[in-house]
C-alpha atoms as a PDB file:
ATOM      1  CA  MET A   1     -15.692   2.837 -20.293  1.00  0.00           C
ATOM      2  CA  GLY A   2     -13.860   0.478 -17.925  1.00  0.00           C
ATOM      3  CA  ASP A   3     -12.102  -1.169 -20.866  1.00  0.00           C
ATOM      4  CA  LEU A   4     -10.932   2.225 -22.073  1.00  0.00           C
ATOM      5  CA  VAL A   5      -9.540   3.094 -18.642  1.00  0.00           C
ATOM      6  CA  ASP A   6      -7.676  -0.216 -18.549  1.00  0.00           C
ATOM      7  CA  ALA A   7      -6.442   0.178 -22.127  1.00  0.00           C
ATOM      8  CA  PHE A   8      -4.831   3.519 -21.322  1.00  0.00           C
ATOM      9  CA  GLY A   9      -3.383   2.259 -18.033  1.00  0.00           C
ATOM     10  CA  LEU A  10      -5.344   4.709 -15.890  1.00  0.00           C
ATOM     11  CA  ARG A  11      -6.996   2.243 -13.523  1.00  0.00           C
ATOM     12  CA  GLU A  12      -4.346   2.473 -10.791  1.00  0.00           C
ATOM     13  CA  LYS A  13      -4.315   6.278 -10.806  1.00  0.00           C
ATOM     14  CA  LEU A  14      -8.115   6.423 -10.633  1.00  0.00           C
ATOM     15  CA  ASP A  15      -8.070   3.911  -7.776  1.00  0.00           C
ATOM     16  CA  GLU A  16      -5.516   6.053  -5.929  1.00  0.00           C
ATOM     17  CA  GLN A  17      -7.711   9.141  -6.278  1.00  0.00           C
ATOM     18  CA  ALA A  18     -10.776   7.222  -5.083  1.00  0.00           C
ATOM     19  CA  LEU A  19      -8.855   5.950  -2.048  1.00  0.00           C
ATOM     20  CA  ILE A  20      -7.599   9.426  -1.180  1.00  0.00           C
ATOM     21  CA  SER A  21     -11.167  10.721  -1.372  1.00  0.00           C
ATOM     22  CA  ALA A  22     -12.505   7.876   0.786  1.00  0.00           C
ATOM     23  CA  TRP A  23      -9.733   8.026   3.414  1.00  0.00           C
ATOM     24  CA  ASP A  24     -11.151  10.975   5.405  1.00  0.00           C
ATOM     25  CA  ASN A  25     -14.534   9.312   5.857  1.00  0.00           C
ATOM     26  CA  VAL A  26     -13.206   5.813   6.519  1.00  0.00           C
ATOM     27  CA  ALA A  27     -10.318   6.738   8.836  1.00  0.00           C
ATOM     28  CA  GLY A  28     -12.135   9.513  10.666  1.00  0.00           C
ATOM     29  CA  PRO A  29     -11.164  13.118  11.383  1.00  0.00           C
ATOM     30  CA  MET A  30      -8.458  12.473  14.000  1.00  0.00           C
ATOM     31  CA  ILE A  31      -6.496  10.012  11.862  1.00  0.00           C
ATOM     32  CA  SER A  32      -7.070  12.159   8.788  1.00  0.00           C
ATOM     33  CA  ARG A  33      -5.557  15.208  10.491  1.00  0.00           C
ATOM     34  CA  HIS A  34      -2.358  13.270  11.198  1.00  0.00           C
ATOM     35  CA  THR A  35      -2.094  11.666   7.744  1.00  0.00           C
ATOM     36  CA  THR A  36       0.598  13.432   5.736  1.00  0.00           C
ATOM     37  CA  SER A  37       0.457  11.369   2.533  1.00  0.00           C
ATOM     38  CA  LEU A  38      -1.357   8.500   0.851  1.00  0.00           C
ATOM     39  CA  ARG A  39       0.069   6.567  -2.095  1.00  0.00           C
ATOM     40  CA  TYR A  40      -1.328   3.526  -3.815  1.00  0.00           C
ATOM     41  CA  ARG A  41       0.421   0.999  -6.010  1.00  0.00           C
ATOM     42  CA  ALA A  42      -0.344  -2.614  -6.886  1.00  0.00           C
ATOM     43  CA  GLY A  43      -2.781  -3.282  -4.048  1.00  0.00           C
ATOM     44  CA  VAL A  44      -0.714  -1.558  -1.348  1.00  0.00           C
ATOM     45  CA  LEU A  45      -1.902   1.689   0.220  1.00  0.00           C
ATOM     46  CA  ARG A  46       1.056   3.497   1.813  1.00  0.00           C
ATOM     47  CA  VAL A  47      -0.079   5.742   4.645  1.00  0.00           C
ATOM     48  CA  LYS A  48       2.325   8.217   6.184  1.00  0.00           C
ATOM     49  CA  VAL A  49       1.376   9.700   9.546  1.00  0.00           C
ATOM     50  CA  ASP A  50       3.119  12.302  11.679  1.00  0.00           C
ATOM     51  CA  SER A  51       2.773  10.476  14.991  1.00  0.00           C
ATOM     52  CA  ALA A  52       4.570   7.314  16.101  1.00  0.00           C
ATOM     53  CA  PRO A  53       1.859   6.332  18.641  1.00  0.00           C
ATOM     54  CA  LEU A  54      -0.814   6.752  15.968  1.00  0.00           C
ATOM     55  CA  ARG A  55       1.246   4.644  13.529  1.00  0.00           C
ATOM     56  CA  HIS A  56       1.402   1.925  16.177  1.00  0.00           C
ATOM     57  CA  GLU A  57      -2.363   2.117  16.764  1.00  0.00           C
ATOM     58  CA  LEU A  58      -3.070   1.974  13.030  1.00  0.00           C
ATOM     59  CA  GLY A  59      -1.130  -1.280  12.924  1.00  0.00           C
ATOM     60  CA  PHE A  60      -3.993  -2.858  14.859  1.00  0.00           C
ATOM     61  CA  LEU A  61      -6.653  -1.249  12.640  1.00  0.00           C
ATOM     62  CA  LYS A  62      -5.186  -2.127   9.227  1.00  0.00           C
ATOM     63  CA  GLU A  63      -7.436  -5.086   8.406  1.00  0.00           C
ATOM     64  CA  GLY A  64     -10.593  -3.177   9.285  1.00  0.00           C
ATOM     65  CA  LEU A  65      -9.486  -0.150   7.283  1.00  0.00           C
ATOM     66  CA  VAL A  66      -8.740  -2.333   4.243  1.00  0.00           C
ATOM     67  CA  LYS A  67     -12.213  -3.831   4.452  1.00  0.00           C
ATOM     68  CA  LEU A  68     -13.923  -0.452   4.833  1.00  0.00           C
ATOM     69  CA  LEU A  69     -11.944   1.141   1.996  1.00  0.00           C
ATOM     70  CA  ASN A  70     -12.731  -1.708  -0.376  1.00  0.00           C
ATOM     71  CA  GLU A  71     -16.420  -1.502   0.552  1.00  0.00           C
ATOM     72  CA  ARG A  72     -16.377   2.244  -0.098  1.00  0.00           C
ATOM     73  CA  ILE A  73     -14.726   1.776  -3.514  1.00  0.00           C
ATOM     74  CA  GLY A  74     -17.082  -1.086  -4.388  1.00  0.00           C
ATOM     75  CA  ARG A  75     -14.466  -3.693  -5.256  1.00  0.00           C
ATOM     76  CA  GLU A  76     -11.265  -5.138  -3.852  1.00  0.00           C
ATOM     77  CA  VAL A  77      -8.600  -2.544  -4.554  1.00  0.00           C
ATOM     78  CA  VAL A  78      -6.482  -2.552  -1.383  1.00  0.00           C
ATOM     79  CA  ARG A  79      -4.819  -5.790  -0.305  1.00  0.00           C
ATOM     80  CA  THR A  80      -2.780  -4.282   2.523  1.00  0.00           C
ATOM     81  CA  ILE A  81      -1.814  -1.013   4.175  1.00  0.00           C
ATOM     82  CA  ALA A  82       1.836  -0.120   4.727  1.00  0.00           C
ATOM     83  CA  LEU A  83       2.502   2.440   7.431  1.00  0.00           C
ATOM     84  CA  ASP A  84       5.318   4.964   7.096  1.00  0.00           C
END
């Protein structure tokens, strides 16, 4: 099945959906409420939040969030988080 997903080029889109699903649990309810969009491409999860102080705080939490997201997905999908 995995080979089929890769053959049709769907892996990245499936990874994005898995990350969006995992974000609420990993980030927590407060961060989730202020997240306006999540996009994933080539190992980079772009997180847009509606609060500058929260964006600043997330800058300190990026490495931990990457680790938790990858653990939740079950493999290394996210290399870094970019904050918008």
